Amino acid sequence: MAAGVRLLGPGRALAQDRDGCTRWAFLSDTHVASNPDHRYNGFLPYRNLREIVGQIAYDLPDGAVITGDLAWKRGESHAYENLKAILAPVTAKRPVYLGLGNHDNRAGFHGTFGGLIQDNLTVPDRHVATAIAGPVRLIVLDSLLVDRASGLLGQSQRAWLKAFLNASDDRPAILFLHHRPKIDLLDTPYLFDIIEPMVKVKAVVYGHSHEFGFSEYKGIHLINLPSTGFSMSGGQPVGWVEARITKSGGEFVLRALAGSRKLDGCRTRLCWRA
């Protein structure tokens, strides 16, 4: 099956004000299981995400992106059904874009969300999402490599990305994927061969490590999102990131729910490369 634009939520036109500011919720590694009471490493991922969705729904942003590992382990169908139910307070009013990670299952994901998703033929057997969000362009890529913890975009997806960016205007672009560039993403050099010369690409947002942090590679900001499900060490937060983005940069605020909360409310401001 060919997969295209992945939009969960109402067919709502996003703000087109290129000079303004757009506010989004960025999440990763929700790891929702079939059993809502599933516990891992002392955390309850289902309950964590339900509380976080309540926080987001209380003051709705323009939309949300989740960068993969939506489900626990192998992506059982009931896990995706639970995820859909948890997200409902947000998806009823705002678009939510879903990426896939190494714990996801394309068939299970599509079986649950397929009826709510708009398909265009873009990249065969990949789930790719794009959106114009006010002053910026959001591109959600699929780095799921079946039966591997590492990730791969693959030649066809990279070719699509290059063509899509070449055909796009100069609006700042932010890429989202699950795996960490330089570490878990096996075709990182090929990806950066494409995006480094394209100054319109400003940042790559990802998860996978269950860690929160910022770095830079070849002039492009790298934003590592915390997990909403659980942390792997006592020094890391469990939560999400509230992002306010303009054409010149962004402000990223950690909303820590559990784990280490010492950086809760911490604001990081980034300026885009020119």
C-alpha atoms as a PDB file:
ATOM      1  CA  MET A   1       0.000   0.000   0.000  1.00  0.00           C
ATOM      2  CA  ALA A   2       1.274   3.453  -0.829  1.00  0.00           C
ATOM      3  CA  ALA A   3       1.058   5.917   1.995  1.00  0.00           C
ATOM      4  CA  GLY A   4       0.856   9.657   1.742  1.00  0.00           C
ATOM      5  CA  VAL A   5      -0.157  12.632   3.816  1.00  0.00           C
ATOM      6  CA  ARG A   6      -0.936  11.467   7.321  1.00  0.00           C
ATOM      7  CA  LEU A   7      -3.419  13.736   9.005  1.00  0.00           C
ATOM      8  CA  LEU A   8      -5.382  12.722  12.088  1.00  0.00           C
ATOM      9  CA  GLY A   9      -8.046  15.255  12.949  1.00  0.00           C
ATOM     10  CA  PRO A  10     -10.392  17.670  11.248  1.00  0.00           C
ATOM     11  CA  GLY A  11      -9.690  18.896   7.752  1.00  0.00           C
ATOM     12  CA  ARG A  12      -8.867  22.299   9.144  1.00  0.00           C
ATOM     13  CA  ALA A  13      -6.919  24.907   7.188  1.00  0.00           C
ATOM     14  CA  LEU A  14      -3.784  25.868   9.056  1.00  0.00           C
ATOM     15  CA  ALA A  15      -2.843  29.485   9.585  1.00  0.00           C
ATOM     16  CA  GLN A  16      -1.206  31.010   6.533  1.00  0.00           C
ATOM     17  CA  ASP A  17       0.335  34.083   8.170  1.00  0.00           C
ATOM     18  CA  ARG A  18       3.979  33.769   7.159  1.00  0.00           C
ATOM     19  CA  ASP A  19       5.063  36.643   9.376  1.00  0.00           C
ATOM     20  CA  GLY A  20       3.315  35.407  12.496  1.00  0.00           C
ATOM     21  CA  CYS A  21       3.908  32.731  15.113  1.00  0.00           C
ATOM     22  CA  THR A  22       2.537  29.218  15.255  1.00  0.00           C
ATOM     23  CA  ARG A  23       2.315  27.174  18.482  1.00  0.00           C
ATOM     24  CA  TRP A  24       2.599  23.399  18.420  1.00  0.00           C
ATOM     25  CA  ALA A  25       2.888  20.464  20.808  1.00  0.00           C
ATOM     26  CA  PHE A  26       5.791  18.098  20.052  1.00  0.00           C
ATOM     27  CA  LEU A  27       5.662  14.597  21.571  1.00  0.00           C
ATOM     28  CA  SER A  28       7.530  11.326  21.151  1.00  0.00           C
ATOM     29  CA  ASP A  29       7.713   7.736  22.362  1.00  0.00           C
ATOM     30  CA  THR A  30       4.198   7.456  23.764  1.00  0.00           C
ATOM     31  CA  HIS A  31       4.499   3.631  23.950  1.00  0.00           C
ATOM     32  CA  VAL A  32       0.802   3.074  24.571  1.00  0.00           C
ATOM     33  CA  ALA A  33       0.030  -0.596  25.227  1.00  0.00           C
ATOM     34  CA  SER A  34      -3.075  -2.717  24.764  1.00  0.00           C
ATOM     35  CA  ASN A  35      -3.426  -2.825  28.563  1.00  0.00           C
ATOM     36  CA  PRO A  36      -4.021   0.693  29.978  1.00  0.00           C
ATOM     37  CA  ASP A  37      -2.453  -0.431  33.268  1.00  0.00           C
ATOM     38  CA  HIS A  38       0.800  -1.484  31.624  1.00  0.00           C
ATOM     39  CA  ARG A  39       3.759  -0.312  33.692  1.00  0.00           C
ATOM     40  CA  TYR A  40       7.378  -0.026  32.597  1.00  0.00           C
ATOM     41  CA  ASN A  41      10.403   1.197  34.523  1.00  0.00           C
ATOM     42  CA  GLY A  42       8.062   2.543  37.199  1.00  0.00           C
ATOM     43  CA  PHE A  43       5.936   4.589  34.749  1.00  0.00           C
ATOM     44  CA  LEU A  44       2.423   4.211  33.358  1.00  0.00           C
ATOM     45  CA  PRO A  45       2.623   5.343  29.688  1.00  0.00           C
ATOM     46  CA  TYR A  46      -1.147   5.266  29.056  1.00  0.00           C
ATOM     47  CA  ARG A  47      -1.902   7.465  32.061  1.00  0.00           C
ATOM     48  CA  ASN A  48       1.019   9.773  31.299  1.00  0.00           C
ATOM     49  CA  LEU A  49      -0.223  10.446  27.783  1.00  0.00           C
ATOM     50  CA  ARG A  50      -3.795  10.900  28.963  1.00  0.00           C
ATOM     51  CA  GLU A  51      -2.647  13.572  31.409  1.00  0.00           C
ATOM     52  CA  ILE A  52      -0.466  15.265  28.799  1.00  0.00           C
ATOM     53  CA  VAL A  53      -3.327  15.326  26.297  1.00  0.00           C
ATOM     54  CA  GLY A  54      -5.418  16.970  29.004  1.00  0.00           C
ATOM     55  CA  GLN A  55      -2.763  19.666  29.385  1.00  0.00           C
ATOM     56  CA  ILE A  56      -2.665  20.235  25.628  1.00  0.00           C
ATOM     57  CA  ALA A  57      -6.441  20.268  25.280  1.00  0.00           C
ATOM     58  CA  TYR A  58      -6.775  22.842  28.074  1.00  0.00           C
ATOM     59  CA  ASP A  59      -4.907  25.416  25.976  1.00  0.00           C
ATOM     60  CA  LEU A  60      -5.065  24.087  22.438  1.00  0.00           C
ATOM     61  CA  PRO A  61      -2.088  24.812  20.190  1.00  0.00           C
ATOM     62  CA  ASP A  62      -2.367  24.991  16.405  1.00  0.00           C
ATOM     63  CA  GLY A  63      -1.549  21.297  16.166  1.00  0.00           C
ATOM     64  CA  ALA A  64       0.641  18.461  17.399  1.00  0.00           C
ATOM     65  CA  VAL A  65       3.286  16.085  16.084  1.00  0.00           C
ATOM     66  CA  ILE A  66       4.239  12.729  17.622  1.00  0.00           C
ATOM     67  CA  THR A  67       7.550  11.409  16.312  1.00  0.00           C
ATOM     68  CA  GLY A  68       7.026   7.676  16.580  1.00  0.00           C
ATOM     69  CA  ASP A  69       7.075   4.698  18.902  1.00  0.00           C
ATOM     70  CA  LEU A  70       3.389   5.349  19.268  1.00  0.00           C
ATOM     71  CA  ALA A  71       2.791   1.830  20.560  1.00  0.00           C
ATOM     72  CA  TRP A  72       4.438  -0.561  22.979  1.00  0.00           C
ATOM     73  CA  LYS A  73       6.640  -3.371  21.647  1.00  0.00           C
ATOM     74  CA  ARG A  74       5.272  -4.541  18.257  1.00  0.00           C
ATOM     75  CA  GLY A  75       2.353  -2.193  17.710  1.00  0.00           C
ATOM     76  CA  GLU A  76      -0.710  -4.294  18.509  1.00  0.00           C
ATOM     77  CA  SER A  77      -4.029  -3.107  17.089  1.00  0.00           C
ATOM     78  CA  HIS A  78      -5.547  -2.520  20.534  1.00  0.00           C
ATOM     79  CA  ALA A  79      -2.630  -0.250  21.406  1.00  0.00           C
ATOM     80  CA  TYR A  80      -3.436   2.010  18.448  1.00  0.00           C
ATOM     81  CA  GLU A  81      -7.110   1.972  19.385  1.00  0.00           C
ATOM     82  CA  ASN A  82      -6.138   3.149  22.878  1.00  0.00           C
ATOM     83  CA  LEU A  83      -3.939   5.851  21.368  1.00  0.00           C
ATOM     84  CA  LYS A  84      -6.739   7.091  19.148  1.00  0.00           C
ATOM     85  CA  ALA A  85      -9.095   7.309  22.119  1.00  0.00           C
ATOM     86  CA  ILE A  86      -6.572   9.200  24.261  1.00  0.00           C
ATOM     87  CA  LEU A  87      -5.861  11.733  21.501  1.00  0.00           C
ATOM     88  CA  ALA A  88      -9.544  12.406  20.786  1.00  0.00           C
ATOM     89  CA  PRO A  89      -9.839  15.637  22.864  1.00  0.00           C
ATOM     90  CA  VAL A  90      -7.148  17.182  20.648  1.00  0.00           C
ATOM     91  CA  THR A  91      -7.888  15.551  17.310  1.00  0.00           C
ATOM     92  CA  ALA A  92     -11.510  16.682  17.508  1.00  0.00           C
ATOM     93  CA  LYS A  93     -10.318  20.278  17.146  1.00  0.00           C
ATOM     94  CA  ARG A  94      -6.742  20.289  15.875  1.00  0.00           C
ATOM     95  CA  PRO A  95      -4.587  18.320  13.415  1.00  0.00           C
ATOM     96  CA  VAL A  96      -2.233  15.735  14.879  1.00  0.00           C
ATOM     97  CA  TYR A  97       0.532  14.316  12.685  1.00  0.00           C
ATOM     98  CA  LEU A  98       1.829  10.864  13.571  1.00  0.00           C
ATOM     99  CA  GLY A  99       5.263   9.490  12.705  1.00  0.00           C
ATOM    100  CA  LEU A 100       6.364   5.878  13.021  1.00  0.00           C
ATOM    101  CA  GLY A 101       9.219   4.417  15.070  1.00  0.00           C
ATOM    102  CA  ASN A 102      10.848   1.040  15.515  1.00  0.00           C
ATOM    103  CA  HIS A 103       8.161  -0.203  17.929  1.00  0.00           C
ATOM    104  CA  ASP A 104       5.360   0.590  15.497  1.00  0.00           C
ATOM    105  CA  ASN A 105       3.605  -1.652  13.013  1.00  0.00           C
ATOM    106  CA  ARG A 106       2.503  -0.110   9.722  1.00  0.00           C
ATOM    107  CA  ALA A 107      -0.398  -2.541   9.225  1.00  0.00           C
ATOM    108  CA  GLY A 108      -1.692  -2.093  12.775  1.00  0.00           C
ATOM    109  CA  PHE A 109      -1.322   1.670  12.565  1.00  0.00           C
ATOM    110  CA  HIS A 110      -3.074   1.921   9.223  1.00  0.00           C
ATOM    111  CA  GLY A 111      -5.807  -0.466  10.352  1.00  0.00           C
ATOM    112  CA  THR A 112      -6.731   1.872  13.217  1.00  0.00           C
ATOM    113  CA  PHE A 113      -6.082   5.299  11.718  1.00  0.00           C
ATOM    114  CA  GLY A 114      -6.657   4.595   8.034  1.00  0.00           C
ATOM    115  CA  GLY A 115     -10.251   5.789   8.062  1.00  0.00           C
ATOM    116  CA  LEU A 116      -9.191   9.155   9.448  1.00  0.00           C
ATOM    117  CA  ILE A 117      -6.227   9.622   7.154  1.00  0.00           C
ATOM    118  CA  GLN A 118      -6.004  11.328   3.790  1.00  0.00           C
ATOM    119  CA  ASP A 119      -3.830   9.419   1.335  1.00  0.00           C
ATOM    120  CA  ASN A 120      -1.886  10.893  -1.561  1.00  0.00           C
ATOM    121  CA  LEU A 121       0.550   8.714  -3.463  1.00  0.00           C
ATOM    122  CA  THR A 122       3.918  10.067  -2.357  1.00  0.00           C
ATOM    123  CA  VAL A 123       6.300   7.421  -0.996  1.00  0.00           C
ATOM    124  CA  PRO A 124       5.439   3.711  -1.419  1.00  0.00           C
ATOM    125  CA  ASP A 125       5.045   1.855   1.874  1.00  0.00           C
ATOM    126  CA  ARG A 126       5.947   4.884   3.978  1.00  0.00           C
ATOM    127  CA  HIS A 127       3.885   7.242   6.123  1.00  0.00           C
ATOM    128  CA  VAL A 128       4.824  10.799   5.183  1.00  0.00           C
ATOM    129  CA  ALA A 129       3.102  13.966   6.364  1.00  0.00           C
ATOM    130  CA  THR A 130       3.462  17.587   5.359  1.00  0.00           C
ATOM    131  CA  ALA A 131       1.780  20.766   6.559  1.00  0.00           C
ATOM    132  CA  ILE A 132       2.129  24.497   6.132  1.00  0.00           C
ATOM    133  CA  ALA A 133       1.855  25.898   9.647  1.00  0.00           C
ATOM    134  CA  GLY A 134       1.813  29.668   9.424  1.00  0.00           C
ATOM    135  CA  PRO A 135       5.390  30.828   8.888  1.00  0.00           C
ATOM    136  CA  VAL A 136       6.916  27.337   8.604  1.00  0.00           C
ATOM    137  CA  ARG A 137       6.582  24.038   6.783  1.00  0.00           C
ATOM    138  CA  LEU A 138       6.433  20.775   8.751  1.00  0.00           C
ATOM    139  CA  ILE A 139       7.580  17.490   7.192  1.00  0.00           C
ATOM    140  CA  VAL A 140       7.075  14.215   9.090  1.00  0.00           C
ATOM    141  CA  LEU A 141       9.202  11.352   7.766  1.00  0.00           C
ATOM    142  CA  ASP A 142       9.110   7.587   8.329  1.00  0.00           C
ATOM    143  CA  SER A 143      12.348   6.025   9.640  1.00  0.00           C
ATOM    144  CA  LEU A 144      10.821   2.675  10.685  1.00  0.00           C
ATOM    145  CA  LEU A 145      13.099  -0.209   9.671  1.00  0.00           C
ATOM    146  CA  VAL A 146      11.190  -3.418  10.360  1.00  0.00           C
ATOM    147  CA  ASP A 147      12.688  -5.650  13.061  1.00  0.00           C
ATOM    148  CA  ARG A 148      15.551  -3.229  13.727  1.00  0.00           C
ATOM    149  CA  ALA A 149      16.101  -0.737  16.545  1.00  0.00           C
ATOM    150  CA  SER A 150      17.981   1.521  14.144  1.00  0.00           C
ATOM    151  CA  GLY A 151      16.202   3.553  11.496  1.00  0.00           C
ATOM    152  CA  LEU A 152      16.373   4.182   7.762  1.00  0.00           C
ATOM    153  CA  LEU A 153      14.635   6.656   5.491  1.00  0.00           C
ATOM    154  CA  GLY A 154      15.580   4.793   2.343  1.00  0.00           C
ATOM    155  CA  GLN A 155      16.337   5.902  -1.188  1.00  0.00           C
ATOM    156  CA  SER A 156      12.751   6.430  -2.341  1.00  0.00           C
ATOM    157  CA  GLN A 157      11.837   8.586   0.655  1.00  0.00           C
ATOM    158  CA  ARG A 158      15.026  10.622   0.350  1.00  0.00           C
ATOM    159  CA  ALA A 159      14.359  11.166  -3.358  1.00  0.00           C
ATOM    160  CA  TRP A 160      10.826  12.288  -2.560  1.00  0.00           C
ATOM    161  CA  LEU A 161      12.101  14.648   0.148  1.00  0.00           C
ATOM    162  CA  LYS A 162      14.644  16.233  -2.193  1.00  0.00           C
ATOM    163  CA  ALA A 163      12.048  16.750  -4.911  1.00  0.00           C
ATOM    164  CA  PHE A 164       9.501  18.083  -2.437  1.00  0.00           C
ATOM    165  CA  LEU A 165      11.937  20.585  -0.932  1.00  0.00           C
ATOM    166  CA  ASN A 166      13.113  21.702  -4.378  1.00  0.00           C
ATOM    167  CA  ALA A 167       9.517  22.359  -5.372  1.00  0.00           C
ATOM    168  CA  SER A 168       8.679  24.197  -2.136  1.00  0.00           C
ATOM    169  CA  ASP A 169       8.973  27.918  -1.520  1.00  0.00           C
ATOM    170  CA  ASP A 170      11.578  29.377   0.837  1.00  0.00           C
ATOM    171  CA  ARG A 171       9.406  29.015   3.925  1.00  0.00           C
ATOM    172  CA  PRO A 172      11.496  27.568   6.814  1.00  0.00           C
ATOM    173  CA  ALA A 173      11.145  23.786   6.966  1.00  0.00           C
ATOM    174  CA  ILE A 174      11.320  21.562  10.050  1.00  0.00           C
ATOM    175  CA  LEU A 175      11.773  17.806   9.629  1.00  0.00           C
ATOM    176  CA  PHE A 176      10.390  15.234  12.062  1.00  0.00           C
ATOM    177  CA  LEU A 177      11.469  11.608  12.310  1.00  0.00           C
ATOM    178  CA  HIS A 178      11.882   9.020  15.021  1.00  0.00           C
ATOM    179  CA  HIS A 179      15.555   8.071  15.024  1.00  0.00           C
ATOM    180  CA  ARG A 180      18.525  10.176  16.067  1.00  0.00           C
ATOM    181  CA  PRO A 181      20.663  11.603  13.269  1.00  0.00           C
ATOM    182  CA  LYS A 182      24.309  10.492  13.434  1.00  0.00           C
ATOM    183  CA  ILE A 183      23.456   7.744  15.947  1.00  0.00           C
ATOM    184  CA  ASP A 184      20.478   5.535  15.032  1.00  0.00           C
ATOM    185  CA  LEU A 185      19.552   6.826  11.564  1.00  0.00           C
ATOM    186  CA  LEU A 186      21.623   4.683   9.213  1.00  0.00           C
ATOM    187  CA  ASP A 187      21.377   6.981   6.199  1.00  0.00           C
ATOM    188  CA  THR A 188      22.161  10.205   8.050  1.00  0.00           C
ATOM    189  CA  PRO A 189      24.964  11.199   5.609  1.00  0.00           C
ATOM    190  CA  TYR A 190      22.626  10.906   2.621  1.00  0.00           C
ATOM    191  CA  LEU A 191      19.921  12.893   4.409  1.00  0.00           C
ATOM    192  CA  PHE A 192      22.301  15.725   5.225  1.00  0.00           C
ATOM    193  CA  ASP A 193      23.698  15.699   1.695  1.00  0.00           C
ATOM    194  CA  ILE A 194      20.170  16.752   0.732  1.00  0.00           C
ATOM    195  CA  ILE A 195      19.268  19.186   3.472  1.00  0.00           C
ATOM    196  CA  GLU A 196      22.576  20.877   4.330  1.00  0.00           C
ATOM    197  CA  PRO A 197      22.686  22.888   1.059  1.00  0.00           C
ATOM    198  CA  MET A 198      18.995  23.782   1.409  1.00  0.00           C
ATOM    199  CA  VAL A 199      19.085  26.717   3.799  1.00  0.00           C
ATOM    200  CA  LYS A 200      15.294  26.557   4.062  1.00  0.00           C
ATOM    201  CA  VAL A 201      15.705  23.436   6.258  1.00  0.00           C
ATOM    202  CA  LYS A 202      16.224  24.767   9.777  1.00  0.00           C
ATOM    203  CA  ALA A 203      15.797  21.887  12.231  1.00  0.00           C
ATOM    204  CA  VAL A 204      15.338  18.144  12.666  1.00  0.00           C
ATOM    205  CA  VAL A 205      13.109  16.991  15.535  1.00  0.00           C
ATOM    206  CA  TYR A 206      13.275  13.379  16.739  1.00  0.00           C
ATOM    207  CA  GLY A 207      12.906  11.035  19.716  1.00  0.00           C
ATOM    208  CA  HIS A 208      13.947   7.401  20.258  1.00  0.00           C
ATOM    209  CA  SER A 209      16.472   8.021  23.039  1.00  0.00           C
ATOM    210  CA  HIS A 210      13.928   9.059  25.713  1.00  0.00           C
ATOM    211  CA  GLU A 211      16.191  12.043  26.343  1.00  0.00           C
ATOM    212  CA  PHE A 212      15.675  15.790  26.085  1.00  0.00           C
ATOM    213  CA  GLY A 213      18.268  18.034  24.516  1.00  0.00           C
ATOM    214  CA  PHE A 214      19.445  20.374  21.786  1.00  0.00           C
ATOM    215  CA  SER A 215      22.471  20.252  19.514  1.00  0.00           C
ATOM    216  CA  GLU A 216      23.533  21.371  16.057  1.00  0.00           C
ATOM    217  CA  TYR A 217      24.930  19.574  13.022  1.00  0.00           C
ATOM    218  CA  LYS A 218      26.065  21.259   9.811  1.00  0.00           C
ATOM    219  CA  GLY A 219      24.226  24.412  10.858  1.00  0.00           C
ATOM    220  CA  ILE A 220      20.913  22.574  11.359  1.00  0.00           C
ATOM    221  CA  HIS A 221      19.361  22.444  14.835  1.00  0.00           C
ATOM    222  CA  LEU A 222      18.766  18.974  16.275  1.00  0.00           C
ATOM    223  CA  ILE A 223      15.955  18.751  18.831  1.00  0.00           C
ATOM    224  CA  ASN A 224      15.687  15.542  20.861  1.00  0.00           C
ATOM    225  CA  LEU A 225      12.242  15.183  22.422  1.00  0.00           C
ATOM    226  CA  PRO A 226      11.631  13.463  25.759  1.00  0.00           C
ATOM    227  CA  SER A 227       9.366  10.439  25.980  1.00  0.00           C
ATOM    228  CA  THR A 228       5.803  10.839  27.211  1.00  0.00           C
ATOM    229  CA  GLY A 229       5.810   7.186  28.262  1.00  0.00           C
ATOM    230  CA  PHE A 230       8.839   6.596  30.451  1.00  0.00           C
ATOM    231  CA  SER A 231      12.446   7.633  30.993  1.00  0.00           C
ATOM    232  CA  MET A 232      15.389   5.265  30.851  1.00  0.00           C
ATOM    233  CA  SER A 233      17.374   7.074  33.553  1.00  0.00           C
ATOM    234  CA  GLY A 234      16.568   9.132  36.640  1.00  0.00           C
ATOM    235  CA  GLY A 235      18.080  12.261  35.140  1.00  0.00           C
ATOM    236  CA  GLN A 236      15.653  12.540  32.232  1.00  0.00           C
ATOM    237  CA  PRO A 237      12.165  14.071  32.135  1.00  0.00           C
ATOM    238  CA  VAL A 238       8.959  12.432  30.982  1.00  0.00           C
ATOM    239  CA  GLY A 239       6.811  14.943  29.149  1.00  0.00           C
ATOM    240  CA  TRP A 240       6.449  16.998  25.981  1.00  0.00           C
ATOM    241  CA  VAL A 241       7.645  20.207  24.354  1.00  0.00           C
ATOM    242  CA  GLU A 242       5.575  23.297  23.626  1.00  0.00           C
ATOM    243  CA  ALA A 243       6.992  25.069  20.572  1.00  0.00           C
ATOM    244  CA  ARG A 244       6.410  28.639  19.436  1.00  0.00           C
ATOM    245  CA  ILE A 245       7.828  29.008  15.944  1.00  0.00           C
ATOM    246  CA  THR A 246       8.384  31.995  13.687  1.00  0.00           C
ATOM    247  CA  LYS A 247      10.160  32.473  10.364  1.00  0.00           C
ATOM    248  CA  SER A 248      13.347  33.498  12.209  1.00  0.00           C
ATOM    249  CA  GLY A 249      13.491  30.927  15.010  1.00  0.00           C
ATOM    250  CA  GLY A 250      11.661  29.152  17.776  1.00  0.00           C
ATOM    251  CA  GLU A 251      11.134  28.962  21.509  1.00  0.00           C
ATOM    252  CA  PHE A 252      10.848  25.474  22.968  1.00  0.00           C
ATOM    253  CA  VAL A 253       9.445  24.938  26.463  1.00  0.00           C
ATOM    254  CA  LEU A 254       9.787  21.634  28.310  1.00  0.00           C
ATOM    255  CA  ARG A 255       6.606  20.468  30.019  1.00  0.00           C
ATOM    256  CA  ALA A 256       7.830  17.757  32.388  1.00  0.00           C
ATOM    257  CA  LEU A 257       5.179  15.499  33.874  1.00  0.00           C
ATOM    258  CA  ALA A 258       7.323  12.906  35.633  1.00  0.00           C
ATOM    259  CA  GLY A 259      10.856  11.609  35.879  1.00  0.00           C
ATOM    260  CA  SER A 260      13.309  14.451  36.469  1.00  0.00           C
ATOM    261  CA  ARG A 261      11.277  17.662  36.666  1.00  0.00           C
ATOM    262  CA  LYS A 262      14.179  20.001  37.424  1.00  0.00           C
ATOM    263  CA  LEU A 263      13.988  21.515  33.916  1.00  0.00           C
ATOM    264  CA  ASP A 264      10.203  21.817  33.856  1.00  0.00           C
ATOM    265  CA  GLY A 265       9.324  25.119  32.214  1.00  0.00           C
ATOM    266  CA  CYS A 266      12.837  25.554  30.813  1.00  0.00           C
ATOM    267  CA  ARG A 267      12.809  27.727  27.666  1.00  0.00           C
ATOM    268  CA  THR A 268      15.307  27.227  24.855  1.00  0.00           C
ATOM    269  CA  ARG A 269      15.429  29.831  22.082  1.00  0.00           C
ATOM    270  CA  LEU A 270      16.896  28.944  18.696  1.00  0.00           C
ATOM    271  CA  CYS A 271      17.677  31.202  15.747  1.00  0.00           C
ATOM    272  CA  TRP A 272      17.387  29.669  12.282  1.00  0.00           C
ATOM    273  CA  ARG A 273      20.400  29.662   9.998  1.00  0.00           C
ATOM    274  CA  ALA A 274      20.394  32.190   7.197  1.00  0.00           C
END
